[in-house]
Amino acid sequence: MISEPEIPRDWLDDFEAAARRPLPLRFRYAFIHTYKPVLDDASFRSFEKMQDYRRWCDENLPDWLGYGRV
């Protein structure tokens, strides 16, 4: 028989405290805006072809954003 791992008491306390918060407050805490260099610097961009978009990503975006090709 496989037993369930025991959940640490402080984790349960944190969960229960969060569950008591009103939903709008929980939503506010749930989403964290992270500035993304280059991507957030213009309101929109458009490209004629996917190839143009991929080239732009390769040339302009830092690798850590994950838009590069493997």
PDB file of N, CA and C in Angstrom:
ATOM      1  N   MET A   1       0.836  -1.183   0.000  1.00  0.00           N
ATOM      2  CA  MET A   1       0.000   0.000   0.000  1.00  0.00           C
ATOM      3  C   MET A   1       0.880   1.245   0.000  1.00  0.00           C
ATOM      4  N   ILE A   2       0.598   2.180  -0.875  1.00  0.00           N
ATOM      5  CA  ILE A   2       1.365   3.416  -0.967  1.00  0.00           C
ATOM      6  C   ILE A   2       0.714   4.462  -0.074  1.00  0.00           C
ATOM      7  N   SER A   3       1.509   5.043   0.811  1.00  0.00           N
ATOM      8  CA  SER A   3       0.953   6.055   1.717  1.00  0.00           C
ATOM      9  C   SER A   3       1.147   7.448   1.114  1.00  0.00           C
ATOM     10  N   GLU A   4       0.222   8.313   1.427  1.00  0.00           N
ATOM     11  CA  GLU A   4       0.302   9.701   0.970  1.00  0.00           C
ATOM     12  C   GLU A   4       1.403  10.413   1.742  1.00  0.00           C
ATOM     13  N   PRO A   5       2.221  11.229   1.054  1.00  0.00           N
ATOM     14  CA  PRO A   5       3.246  11.978   1.789  1.00  0.00           C
ATOM     15  C   PRO A   5       2.573  12.997   2.719  1.00  0.00           C
ATOM     16  N   GLU A   6       3.161  13.194   3.877  1.00  0.00           N
ATOM     17  CA  GLU A   6       2.586  14.133   4.833  1.00  0.00           C
ATOM     18  C   GLU A   6       2.887  15.564   4.399  1.00  0.00           C
ATOM     19  N   ILE A   7       1.876  16.393   4.409  1.00  0.00           N
ATOM     20  CA  ILE A   7       2.031  17.798   4.020  1.00  0.00           C
ATOM     21  C   ILE A   7       2.454  18.583   5.251  1.00  0.00           C
ATOM     22  N   PRO A   8       3.544  19.348   5.133  1.00  0.00           N
ATOM     23  CA  PRO A   8       4.012  20.128   6.281  1.00  0.00           C
ATOM     24  C   PRO A   8       2.923  21.072   6.802  1.00  0.00           C
ATOM     25  N   ARG A   9       2.852  21.226   8.108  1.00  0.00           N
ATOM     26  CA  ARG A   9       1.814  22.046   8.746  1.00  0.00           C
ATOM     27  C   ARG A   9       1.843  23.486   8.248  1.00  0.00           C
ATOM     28  N   ASP A  10       3.038  24.062   8.057  1.00  0.00           N
ATOM     29  CA  ASP A  10       3.096  25.458   7.601  1.00  0.00           C
ATOM     30  C   ASP A  10       2.547  25.611   6.190  1.00  0.00           C
ATOM     31  N   TRP A  11       2.687  24.585   5.349  1.00  0.00           N
ATOM     32  CA  TRP A  11       2.104  24.633   4.006  1.00  0.00           C
ATOM     33  C   TRP A  11       0.577  24.640   4.093  1.00  0.00           C
ATOM     34  N   LEU A  12       0.044  23.779   4.941  1.00  0.00           N
ATOM     35  CA  LEU A  12      -1.405  23.728   5.115  1.00  0.00           C
ATOM     36  C   LEU A  12      -1.941  25.046   5.675  1.00  0.00           C
ATOM     37  N   ASP A  13      -1.220  25.628   6.629  1.00  0.00           N
ATOM     38  CA  ASP A  13      -1.633  26.917   7.199  1.00  0.00           C
ATOM     39  C   ASP A  13      -1.666  27.996   6.125  1.00  0.00           C
ATOM     40  N   ASP A  14      -0.624  28.030   5.277  1.00  0.00           N
ATOM     41  CA  ASP A  14      -0.589  29.016   4.187  1.00  0.00           C
ATOM     42  C   ASP A  14      -1.749  28.809   3.216  1.00  0.00           C
ATOM     43  N   PHE A  15      -2.013  27.542   2.878  1.00  0.00           N
ATOM     44  CA  PHE A  15      -3.105  27.242   1.953  1.00  0.00           C
ATOM     45  C   PHE A  15      -4.444  27.678   2.537  1.00  0.00           C
ATOM     46  N   GLU A  16      -4.665  27.348   3.793  1.00  0.00           N
ATOM     47  CA  GLU A  16      -5.938  27.694   4.430  1.00  0.00           C
ATOM     48  C   GLU A  16      -6.121  29.201   4.536  1.00  0.00           C
ATOM     49  N   ALA A  17      -5.045  29.929   4.823  1.00  0.00           N
ATOM     50  CA  ALA A  17      -5.131  31.392   4.887  1.00  0.00           C
ATOM     51  C   ALA A  17      -5.467  31.954   3.505  1.00  0.00           C
ATOM     52  N   ALA A  18      -4.834  31.420   2.462  1.00  0.00           N
ATOM     53  CA  ALA A  18      -5.100  31.889   1.098  1.00  0.00           C
ATOM     54  C   ALA A  18      -6.533  31.568   0.683  1.00  0.00           C
ATOM     55  N   ALA A  19      -7.035  30.421   1.086  1.00  0.00           N
ATOM     56  CA  ALA A  19      -8.391  30.008   0.718  1.00  0.00           C
ATOM     57  C   ALA A  19      -9.449  30.902   1.359  1.00  0.00           C
ATOM     58  N   ARG A  20      -9.113  31.534   2.475  1.00  0.00           N
ATOM     59  CA  ARG A  20     -10.070  32.435   3.141  1.00  0.00           C
ATOM     60  C   ARG A  20     -10.106  33.823   2.509  1.00  0.00           C
ATOM     61  N   ARG A  21      -9.125  34.148   1.679  1.00  0.00           N
ATOM     62  CA  ARG A  21      -9.104  35.467   1.049  1.00  0.00           C
ATOM     63  C   ARG A  21     -10.217  35.568   0.011  1.00  0.00           C
ATOM     64  N   PRO A  22     -10.761  36.786  -0.194  1.00  0.00           N
ATOM     65  CA  PRO A  22     -11.773  36.961  -1.247  1.00  0.00           C
ATOM     66  C   PRO A  22     -11.161  36.668  -2.626  1.00  0.00           C
ATOM     67  N   LEU A  23     -11.990  36.198  -3.527  1.00  0.00           N
ATOM     68  CA  LEU A  23     -11.515  35.808  -4.856  1.00  0.00           C
ATOM     69  C   LEU A  23     -10.775  36.924  -5.595  1.00  0.00           C
ATOM     70  N   PRO A  24     -11.266  38.186  -5.607  1.00  0.00           N
ATOM     71  CA  PRO A  24     -10.509  39.235  -6.315  1.00  0.00           C
ATOM     72  C   PRO A  24      -9.082  39.399  -5.778  1.00  0.00           C
ATOM     73  N   LEU A  25      -8.913  39.267  -4.478  1.00  0.00           N
ATOM     74  CA  LEU A  25      -7.581  39.383  -3.895  1.00  0.00           C
ATOM     75  C   LEU A  25      -6.712  38.194  -4.289  1.00  0.00           C
ATOM     76  N   ARG A  26      -7.311  37.018  -4.327  1.00  0.00           N
ATOM     77  CA  ARG A  26      -6.558  35.834  -4.753  1.00  0.00           C
ATOM     78  C   ARG A  26      -6.098  35.974  -6.201  1.00  0.00           C
ATOM     79  N   PHE A  27      -6.956  36.530  -7.069  1.00  0.00           N
ATOM     80  CA  PHE A  27      -6.553  36.763  -8.456  1.00  0.00           C
ATOM     81  C   PHE A  27      -5.422  37.776  -8.533  1.00  0.00           C
ATOM     82  N   ARG A  28      -5.490  38.823  -7.715  1.00  0.00           N
ATOM     83  CA  ARG A  28      -4.448  39.849  -7.744  1.00  0.00           C
ATOM     84  C   ARG A  28      -3.095  39.248  -7.367  1.00  0.00           C
ATOM     85  N   TYR A  29      -3.082  38.359  -6.390  1.00  0.00           N
ATOM     86  CA  TYR A  29      -1.831  37.718  -5.970  1.00  0.00           C
ATOM     87  C   TYR A  29      -1.374  36.619  -6.934  1.00  0.00           C
ATOM     88  N   ALA A  30      -2.278  36.088  -7.740  1.00  0.00           N
ATOM     89  CA  ALA A  30      -1.957  34.935  -8.581  1.00  0.00           C
ATOM     90  C   ALA A  30      -1.127  35.291  -9.809  1.00  0.00           C
ATOM     91  N   PHE A  31      -1.254  36.507 -10.321  1.00  0.00           N
ATOM     92  CA  PHE A  31      -0.581  36.876 -11.560  1.00  0.00           C
ATOM     93  C   PHE A  31       0.474  37.932 -11.286  1.00  0.00           C
ATOM     94  N   ILE A  32       1.693  37.617 -11.624  1.00  0.00           N
ATOM     95  CA  ILE A  32       2.809  38.526 -11.406  1.00  0.00           C
ATOM     96  C   ILE A  32       3.308  38.987 -12.763  1.00  0.00           C
ATOM     97  N   HIS A  33       3.306  40.300 -12.983  1.00  0.00           N
ATOM     98  CA  HIS A  33       3.797  40.822 -14.254  1.00  0.00           C
ATOM     99  C   HIS A  33       5.314  40.873 -14.228  1.00  0.00           C
ATOM    100  N   THR A  34       5.923  40.276 -15.203  1.00  0.00           N
ATOM    101  CA  THR A  34       7.375  40.316 -15.356  1.00  0.00           C
ATOM    102  C   THR A  34       7.678  41.073 -16.641  1.00  0.00           C
ATOM    103  N   TYR A  35       8.490  42.107 -16.528  1.00  0.00           N
ATOM    104  CA  TYR A  35       8.883  42.864 -17.708  1.00  0.00           C
ATOM    105  C   TYR A  35       9.688  41.964 -18.631  1.00  0.00           C
ATOM    106  N   LYS A  36       9.306  41.947 -19.901  1.00  0.00           N
ATOM    107  CA  LYS A  36      10.005  41.162 -20.909  1.00  0.00           C
ATOM    108  C   LYS A  36      10.672  42.147 -21.865  1.00  0.00           C
ATOM    109  N   PRO A  37      12.007  42.249 -21.786  1.00  0.00           N
ATOM    110  CA  PRO A  37      12.702  43.204 -22.644  1.00  0.00           C
ATOM    111  C   PRO A  37      12.336  43.013 -24.108  1.00  0.00           C
ATOM    112  N   VAL A  38      12.239  44.072 -24.820  1.00  0.00           N
ATOM    113  CA  VAL A  38      11.921  44.148 -26.246  1.00  0.00           C
ATOM    114  C   VAL A  38      10.449  43.821 -26.500  1.00  0.00           C
ATOM    115  N   LEU A  39       9.941  42.701 -25.983  1.00  0.00           N
ATOM    116  CA  LEU A  39       8.542  42.342 -26.227  1.00  0.00           C
ATOM    117  C   LEU A  39       7.588  43.382 -25.646  1.00  0.00           C
ATOM    118  N   ASP A  40       7.892  43.902 -24.457  1.00  0.00           N
ATOM    119  CA  ASP A  40       7.009  44.859 -23.801  1.00  0.00           C
ATOM    120  C   ASP A  40       7.260  46.309 -24.229  1.00  0.00           C
ATOM    121  N   ASP A  41       8.205  46.521 -25.106  1.00  0.00           N
ATOM    122  CA  ASP A  41       8.572  47.888 -25.482  1.00  0.00           C
ATOM    123  C   ASP A  41       7.738  48.464 -26.616  1.00  0.00           C
ATOM    124  N   ALA A  42       6.876  47.700 -27.207  1.00  0.00           N
ATOM    125  CA  ALA A  42       5.996  48.190 -28.277  1.00  0.00           C
ATOM    126  C   ALA A  42       4.600  47.615 -28.049  1.00  0.00           C
ATOM    127  N   SER A  43       3.580  48.360 -28.438  1.00  0.00           N
ATOM    128  CA  SER A  43       2.219  47.879 -28.207  1.00  0.00           C
ATOM    129  C   SER A  43       1.861  46.688 -29.104  1.00  0.00           C
ATOM    130  N   PHE A  44       2.445  46.612 -30.303  1.00  0.00           N
ATOM    131  CA  PHE A  44       2.226  45.444 -31.166  1.00  0.00           C
ATOM    132  C   PHE A  44       3.298  45.404 -32.245  1.00  0.00           C
ATOM    133  N   ARG A  45       3.423  44.264 -32.855  1.00  0.00           N
ATOM    134  CA  ARG A  45       4.302  44.079 -34.014  1.00  0.00           C
ATOM    135  C   ARG A  45       3.567  43.159 -34.973  1.00  0.00           C
ATOM    136  N   SER A  46       3.814  43.342 -36.250  1.00  0.00           N
ATOM    137  CA  SER A  46       3.225  42.422 -37.217  1.00  0.00           C
ATOM    138  C   SER A  46       4.277  42.062 -38.252  1.00  0.00           C
ATOM    139  N   PHE A  47       4.119  40.884 -38.813  1.00  0.00           N
ATOM    140  CA  PHE A  47       5.084  40.362 -39.769  1.00  0.00           C
ATOM    141  C   PHE A  47       4.331  39.765 -40.945  1.00  0.00           C
ATOM    142  N   GLU A  48       4.906  39.890 -42.117  1.00  0.00           N
ATOM    143  CA  GLU A  48       4.288  39.336 -43.322  1.00  0.00           C
ATOM    144  C   GLU A  48       4.321  37.812 -43.310  1.00  0.00           C
ATOM    145  N   LYS A  49       5.432  37.265 -42.852  1.00  0.00           N
ATOM    146  CA  LYS A  49       5.611  35.817 -42.892  1.00  0.00           C
ATOM    147  C   LYS A  49       6.148  35.321 -41.555  1.00  0.00           C
ATOM    148  N   MET A  50       5.889  34.070 -41.251  1.00  0.00           N
ATOM    149  CA  MET A  50       6.410  33.459 -40.028  1.00  0.00           C
ATOM    150  C   MET A  50       7.934  33.505 -40.032  1.00  0.00           C
ATOM    151  N   GLN A  51       8.528  33.368 -41.190  1.00  0.00           N
ATOM    152  CA  GLN A  51       9.985  33.422 -41.312  1.00  0.00           C
ATOM    153  C   GLN A  51      10.505  34.786 -40.837  1.00  0.00           C
ATOM    154  N   ASP A  52       9.797  35.866 -41.168  1.00  0.00           N
ATOM    155  CA  ASP A  52      10.195  37.205 -40.724  1.00  0.00           C
ATOM    156  C   ASP A  52      10.108  37.314 -39.207  1.00  0.00           C
ATOM    157  N   TYR A  53       9.032  36.786 -38.655  1.00  0.00           N
ATOM    158  CA  TYR A  53       8.849  36.798 -37.205  1.00  0.00           C
ATOM    159  C   TYR A  53       9.974  36.025 -36.518  1.00  0.00           C
ATOM    160  N   ARG A  54      10.284  34.834 -36.997  1.00  0.00           N
ATOM    161  CA  ARG A  54      11.337  34.017 -36.386  1.00  0.00           C
ATOM    162  C   ARG A  54      12.694  34.691 -36.483  1.00  0.00           C
ATOM    163  N   ARG A  55      12.980  35.316 -37.596  1.00  0.00           N
ATOM    164  CA  ARG A  55      14.242  36.036 -37.754  1.00  0.00           C
ATOM    165  C   ARG A  55      14.305  37.189 -36.755  1.00  0.00           C
ATOM    166  N   TRP A  56      13.199  37.913 -36.618  1.00  0.00           N
ATOM    167  CA  TRP A  56      13.154  39.033 -35.672  1.00  0.00           C
ATOM    168  C   TRP A  56      13.402  38.538 -34.237  1.00  0.00           C
ATOM    169  N   CYS A  57      12.780  37.434 -33.884  1.00  0.00           N
ATOM    170  CA  CYS A  57      12.988  36.862 -32.551  1.00  0.00           C
ATOM    171  C   CYS A  57      14.458  36.496 -32.335  1.00  0.00           C
ATOM    172  N   ASP A  58      15.048  35.818 -33.319  1.00  0.00           N
ATOM    173  CA  ASP A  58      16.455  35.405 -33.204  1.00  0.00           C
ATOM    174  C   ASP A  58      17.377  36.615 -33.040  1.00  0.00           C
ATOM    175  N   GLU A  59      17.069  37.692 -33.736  1.00  0.00           N
ATOM    176  CA  GLU A  59      17.955  38.862 -33.735  1.00  0.00           C
ATOM    177  C   GLU A  59      17.718  39.813 -32.562  1.00  0.00           C
ATOM    178  N   ASN A  60      16.530  39.789 -31.966  1.00  0.00           N
ATOM    179  CA  ASN A  60      16.189  40.818 -30.993  1.00  0.00           C
ATOM    180  C   ASN A  60      15.907  40.354 -29.569  1.00  0.00           C
ATOM    181  N   LEU A  61      15.499  39.125 -29.396  1.00  0.00           N
ATOM    182  CA  LEU A  61      15.069  38.696 -28.066  1.00  0.00           C
ATOM    183  C   LEU A  61      16.162  37.928 -27.323  1.00  0.00           C
ATOM    184  N   PRO A  62      16.282  38.170 -26.011  1.00  0.00           N
ATOM    185  CA  PRO A  62      17.254  37.397 -25.229  1.00  0.00           C
ATOM    186  C   PRO A  62      16.847  35.926 -25.171  1.00  0.00           C
ATOM    187  N   ASP A  63      17.832  35.053 -25.099  1.00  0.00           N
ATOM    188  CA  ASP A  63      17.577  33.606 -25.099  1.00  0.00           C
ATOM    189  C   ASP A  63      16.669  33.169 -23.958  1.00  0.00           C
ATOM    190  N   TRP A  64      16.795  33.798 -22.791  1.00  0.00           N
ATOM    191  CA  TRP A  64      16.062  33.334 -21.619  1.00  0.00           C
ATOM    192  C   TRP A  64      14.549  33.507 -21.751  1.00  0.00           C
ATOM    193  N   LEU A  65      14.080  34.291 -22.736  1.00  0.00           N
ATOM    194  CA  LEU A  65      12.640  34.414 -22.947  1.00  0.00           C
ATOM    195  C   LEU A  65      12.057  33.164 -23.605  1.00  0.00           C
ATOM    196  N   GLY A  66      12.891  32.364 -24.238  1.00  0.00           N
ATOM    197  CA  GLY A  66      12.437  31.100 -24.792  1.00  0.00           C
ATOM    198  C   GLY A  66      11.835  31.174 -26.188  1.00  0.00           C
ATOM    199  N   TYR A  67      12.094  32.254 -26.911  1.00  0.00           N
ATOM    200  CA  TYR A  67      11.540  32.367 -28.255  1.00  0.00           C
ATOM    201  C   TYR A  67      12.517  31.912 -29.342  1.00  0.00           C
ATOM    202  N   GLY A  68      13.696  31.494 -28.946  1.00  0.00           N
ATOM    203  CA  GLY A  68      14.679  31.046 -29.924  1.00  0.00           C
ATOM    204  C   GLY A  68      14.364  29.651 -30.438  1.00  0.00           C
ATOM    205  N   ARG A  69      14.965  29.311 -31.540  1.00  0.00           N
ATOM    206  CA  ARG A  69      14.770  27.976 -32.091  1.00  0.00           C
ATOM    207  C   ARG A  69      15.901  27.076 -31.636  1.00  0.00           C
ATOM    208  N   VAL A  70      15.597  25.802 -31.517  1.00  0.00           N
ATOM    209  CA  VAL A  70      16.604  24.814 -31.059  1.00  0.00           C
ATOM    210  C   VAL A  70      17.317  24.261 -32.265  1.00  0.00           C
TER     211      VAL A  70
END
